[in-house]
C-alpha atoms as a PDB file:
ATOM      1  CA  UNK A   1      -4.927   9.606  17.163  1.00  0.00           C
ATOM      2  CA  UNK A   2      -3.050  12.248  15.213  1.00  0.00           C
ATOM      3  CA  UNK A   3      -3.463  12.955  11.523  1.00  0.00           C
ATOM      4  CA  UNK A   4       0.124  11.848  10.720  1.00  0.00           C
ATOM      5  CA  UNK A   5      -0.340   8.619  12.620  1.00  0.00           C
ATOM      6  CA  UNK A   6      -3.366   7.826  10.472  1.00  0.00           C
ATOM      7  CA  UNK A   7      -1.274   8.367   7.337  1.00  0.00           C
ATOM      8  CA  UNK A   8       1.414   6.119   8.825  1.00  0.00           C
ATOM      9  CA  UNK A   9      -1.301   3.484   9.219  1.00  0.00           C
ATOM     10  CA  UNK A  10      -2.131   3.800   5.503  1.00  0.00           C
ATOM     11  CA  UNK A  11       1.556   3.311   4.716  1.00  0.00           C
ATOM     12  CA  UNK A  12       1.656   0.239   6.994  1.00  0.00           C
ATOM     13  CA  UNK A  13      -1.483  -1.167   5.364  1.00  0.00           C
ATOM     14  CA  UNK A  14       0.212  -0.759   1.971  1.00  0.00           C
ATOM     15  CA  UNK A  15       3.254  -2.697   3.218  1.00  0.00           C
ATOM     16  CA  UNK A  16       1.001  -5.585   4.219  1.00  0.00           C
ATOM     17  CA  UNK A  17      -0.704  -5.269   0.816  1.00  0.00           C
ATOM     18  CA  UNK A  18       2.659  -5.925  -0.839  1.00  0.00           C
ATOM     19  CA  UNK A  19       2.999  -9.108   1.237  1.00  0.00           C
ATOM     20  CA  UNK A  20      -0.426 -10.452   0.354  1.00  0.00           C
ATOM     21  CA  UNK A  21      -0.250  -9.546  -3.331  1.00  0.00           C
ATOM     22  CA  UNK A  22       3.083 -11.351  -3.646  1.00  0.00           C
ATOM     23  CA  UNK A  23       1.588 -14.216  -1.640  1.00  0.00           C
ATOM     24  CA  UNK A  24      -1.285 -14.544  -4.104  1.00  0.00           C
ATOM     25  CA  UNK A  25       1.233 -15.158  -6.873  1.00  0.00           C
ATOM     26  CA  UNK A  26       3.934 -17.140  -5.105  1.00  0.00           C
ATOM     27  CA  UNK A  27       2.343 -18.993  -2.167  1.00  0.00           C
ATOM     28  CA  UNK A  28       2.545 -22.742  -2.569  1.00  0.00           C
ATOM     29  CA  UNK A  29       2.469 -24.168   0.963  1.00  0.00           C
ATOM     30  CA  UNK A  30      -0.128 -24.011   3.714  1.00  0.00           C
ATOM     31  CA  UNK A  31       2.151 -21.751   5.764  1.00  0.00           C
ATOM     32  CA  UNK A  32       2.666 -19.337   2.848  1.00  0.00           C
ATOM     33  CA  UNK A  33      -1.094 -19.184   2.253  1.00  0.00           C
ATOM     34  CA  UNK A  34      -1.659 -18.624   5.979  1.00  0.00           C
ATOM     35  CA  UNK A  35       0.814 -15.703   5.962  1.00  0.00           C
ATOM     36  CA  UNK A  36      -0.956 -14.320   2.881  1.00  0.00           C
ATOM     37  CA  UNK A  37      -4.339 -14.510   4.614  1.00  0.00           C
ATOM     38  CA  UNK A  38      -3.025 -12.853   7.784  1.00  0.00           C
ATOM     39  CA  UNK A  39      -1.463 -10.073   5.668  1.00  0.00           C
ATOM     40  CA  UNK A  40      -4.845  -9.491   3.944  1.00  0.00           C
ATOM     41  CA  UNK A  41      -6.625  -9.243   7.293  1.00  0.00           C
ATOM     42  CA  UNK A  42      -4.061  -6.899   8.828  1.00  0.00           C
ATOM     43  CA  UNK A  43      -3.873  -4.766   5.696  1.00  0.00           C
ATOM     44  CA  UNK A  44      -7.614  -4.192   5.477  1.00  0.00           C
ATOM     45  CA  UNK A  45      -8.110  -3.770   9.231  1.00  0.00           C
ATOM     46  CA  UNK A  46      -5.453  -1.042   9.356  1.00  0.00           C
ATOM     47  CA  UNK A  47      -6.761   0.559   6.143  1.00  0.00           C
ATOM     48  CA  UNK A  48     -10.329   0.643   7.467  1.00  0.00           C
ATOM     49  CA  UNK A  49      -9.134   2.099  10.775  1.00  0.00           C
ATOM     50  CA  UNK A  50      -7.288   4.910   8.983  1.00  0.00           C
ATOM     51  CA  UNK A  51     -10.249   5.490   6.656  1.00  0.00           C
ATOM     52  CA  UNK A  52     -12.448   6.309   9.636  1.00  0.00           C
ATOM     53  CA  UNK A  53     -10.348   9.398  10.319  1.00  0.00           C
ATOM     54  CA  UNK A  54      -9.148  10.402   6.840  1.00  0.00           C
ATOM     55  CA  UNK A  55     -10.935  11.039   3.515  1.00  0.00           C
ATOM     56  CA  UNK A  56     -11.661   7.547   2.225  1.00  0.00           C
ATOM     57  CA  UNK A  57     -11.113   8.288  -1.485  1.00  0.00           C
ATOM     58  CA  UNK A  58      -7.651   9.683  -0.880  1.00  0.00           C
ATOM     59  CA  UNK A  59      -6.818   6.929   1.611  1.00  0.00           C
ATOM     60  CA  UNK A  60      -7.728   4.243  -0.899  1.00  0.00           C
ATOM     61  CA  UNK A  61      -5.822   5.941  -3.726  1.00  0.00           C
ATOM     62  CA  UNK A  62      -2.695   6.288  -1.600  1.00  0.00           C
ATOM     63  CA  UNK A  63      -3.040   2.693  -0.375  1.00  0.00           C
ATOM     64  CA  UNK A  64      -3.339   1.276  -3.901  1.00  0.00           C
ATOM     65  CA  UNK A  65      -0.574   3.510  -5.281  1.00  0.00           C
ATOM     66  CA  UNK A  66       1.897   2.625  -2.551  1.00  0.00           C
ATOM     67  CA  UNK A  67       0.940  -1.046  -2.771  1.00  0.00           C
ATOM     68  CA  UNK A  68       1.445  -1.083  -6.527  1.00  0.00           C
ATOM     69  CA  UNK A  69       4.813   0.647  -6.347  1.00  0.00           C
ATOM     70  CA  UNK A  70       5.893  -1.549  -3.428  1.00  0.00           C
ATOM     71  CA  UNK A  71       4.877  -4.719  -5.237  1.00  0.00           C
ATOM     72  CA  UNK A  72       6.830  -3.767  -8.350  1.00  0.00           C
ATOM     73  CA  UNK A  73       9.898  -2.888  -6.270  1.00  0.00           C
ATOM     74  CA  UNK A  74       9.627  -6.139  -4.279  1.00  0.00           C
ATOM     75  CA  UNK A  75       9.281  -8.213  -7.460  1.00  0.00           C
ATOM     76  CA  UNK A  76      12.475  -6.624  -8.799  1.00  0.00           C
ATOM     77  CA  UNK A  77      14.469  -7.010  -5.564  1.00  0.00           C
ATOM     78  CA  UNK A  78      13.200 -10.399  -4.367  1.00  0.00           C
ATOM     79  CA  UNK A  79      12.352 -12.226  -7.587  1.00  0.00           C
ATOM     80  CA  UNK A  80      14.735 -10.586 -10.050  1.00  0.00           C
ATOM     81  CA  UNK A  81      12.052  -9.251 -12.366  1.00  0.00           C
ATOM     82  CA  UNK A  82      13.372  -6.840 -14.970  1.00  0.00           C
ATOM     83  CA  UNK A  83      13.049  -3.125 -14.220  1.00  0.00           C
ATOM     84  CA  UNK A  84      12.939  -1.150 -17.447  1.00  0.00           C
ATOM     85  CA  UNK A  85      13.407   2.596 -17.627  1.00  0.00           C
ATOM     86  CA  UNK A  86       9.754   2.939 -18.683  1.00  0.00           C
ATOM     87  CA  UNK A  87       8.532   0.920 -15.679  1.00  0.00           C
ATOM     88  CA  UNK A  88      10.705   2.969 -13.317  1.00  0.00           C
ATOM     89  CA  UNK A  89       9.415   6.236 -14.812  1.00  0.00           C
ATOM     90  CA  UNK A  90       5.805   5.103 -14.441  1.00  0.00           C
ATOM     91  CA  UNK A  91       6.345   4.052 -10.805  1.00  0.00           C
ATOM     92  CA  UNK A  92       7.835   7.490 -10.110  1.00  0.00           C
ATOM     93  CA  UNK A  93       4.832   9.174 -11.758  1.00  0.00           C
ATOM     94  CA  UNK A  94       2.528   6.977  -9.660  1.00  0.00           C
ATOM     95  CA  UNK A  95       4.356   7.906  -6.459  1.00  0.00           C
ATOM     96  CA  UNK A  96       4.260  11.598  -7.425  1.00  0.00           C
ATOM     97  CA  UNK A  97       0.486  11.279  -7.793  1.00  0.00           C
ATOM     98  CA  UNK A  98       0.200   9.595  -4.389  1.00  0.00           C
ATOM     99  CA  UNK A  99       2.251  12.327  -2.709  1.00  0.00           C
ATOM    100  CA  UNK A 100       0.274  14.990  -4.565  1.00  0.00           C
ATOM    101  CA  UNK A 101      -3.058  13.540  -3.454  1.00  0.00           C
ATOM    102  CA  UNK A 102      -1.942  13.531   0.140  1.00  0.00           C
ATOM    103  CA  UNK A 103      -0.724  17.124  -0.130  1.00  0.00           C
ATOM    104  CA  UNK A 104      -3.954  18.511  -1.611  1.00  0.00           C
ATOM    105  CA  UNK A 105      -6.297  16.636   0.717  1.00  0.00           C
ATOM    106  CA  UNK A 106      -8.003  19.017   3.108  1.00  0.00           C
ATOM    107  CA  UNK A 107      -7.481  18.171   6.738  1.00  0.00           C
ATOM    108  CA  UNK A 108     -10.669  17.633   8.647  1.00  0.00           C
ATOM    109  CA  UNK A 109     -10.859  17.701  12.406  1.00  0.00           C
ATOM    110  CA  UNK A 110     -12.334  14.432  13.584  1.00  0.00           C
ATOM    111  CA  UNK A 111     -13.179  13.819  17.189  1.00  0.00           C
END
């Protein structure tokens, strides 16, 4: 598996993280809780798979950063939560940190 594909897996794991974090707050039916549980399982399976090939500290930081930013964005778009200028600025700083971490991480050849 290529290095970029592993990073795409981290991004995908973060998308599923957004689903399960929102589910923890908003799930109220058995089906919604089931979707939340499945999202948790997929998210961590994909994250663990990517972490086998990439530096785990950076993988986890990117995963949490993208998940946090994605959750805030989803709350604004889906649930109409207020997006202040300060919150937007902090999300942008968070995303800049995530991108920066990925850029400075040394690539390691893994067989």
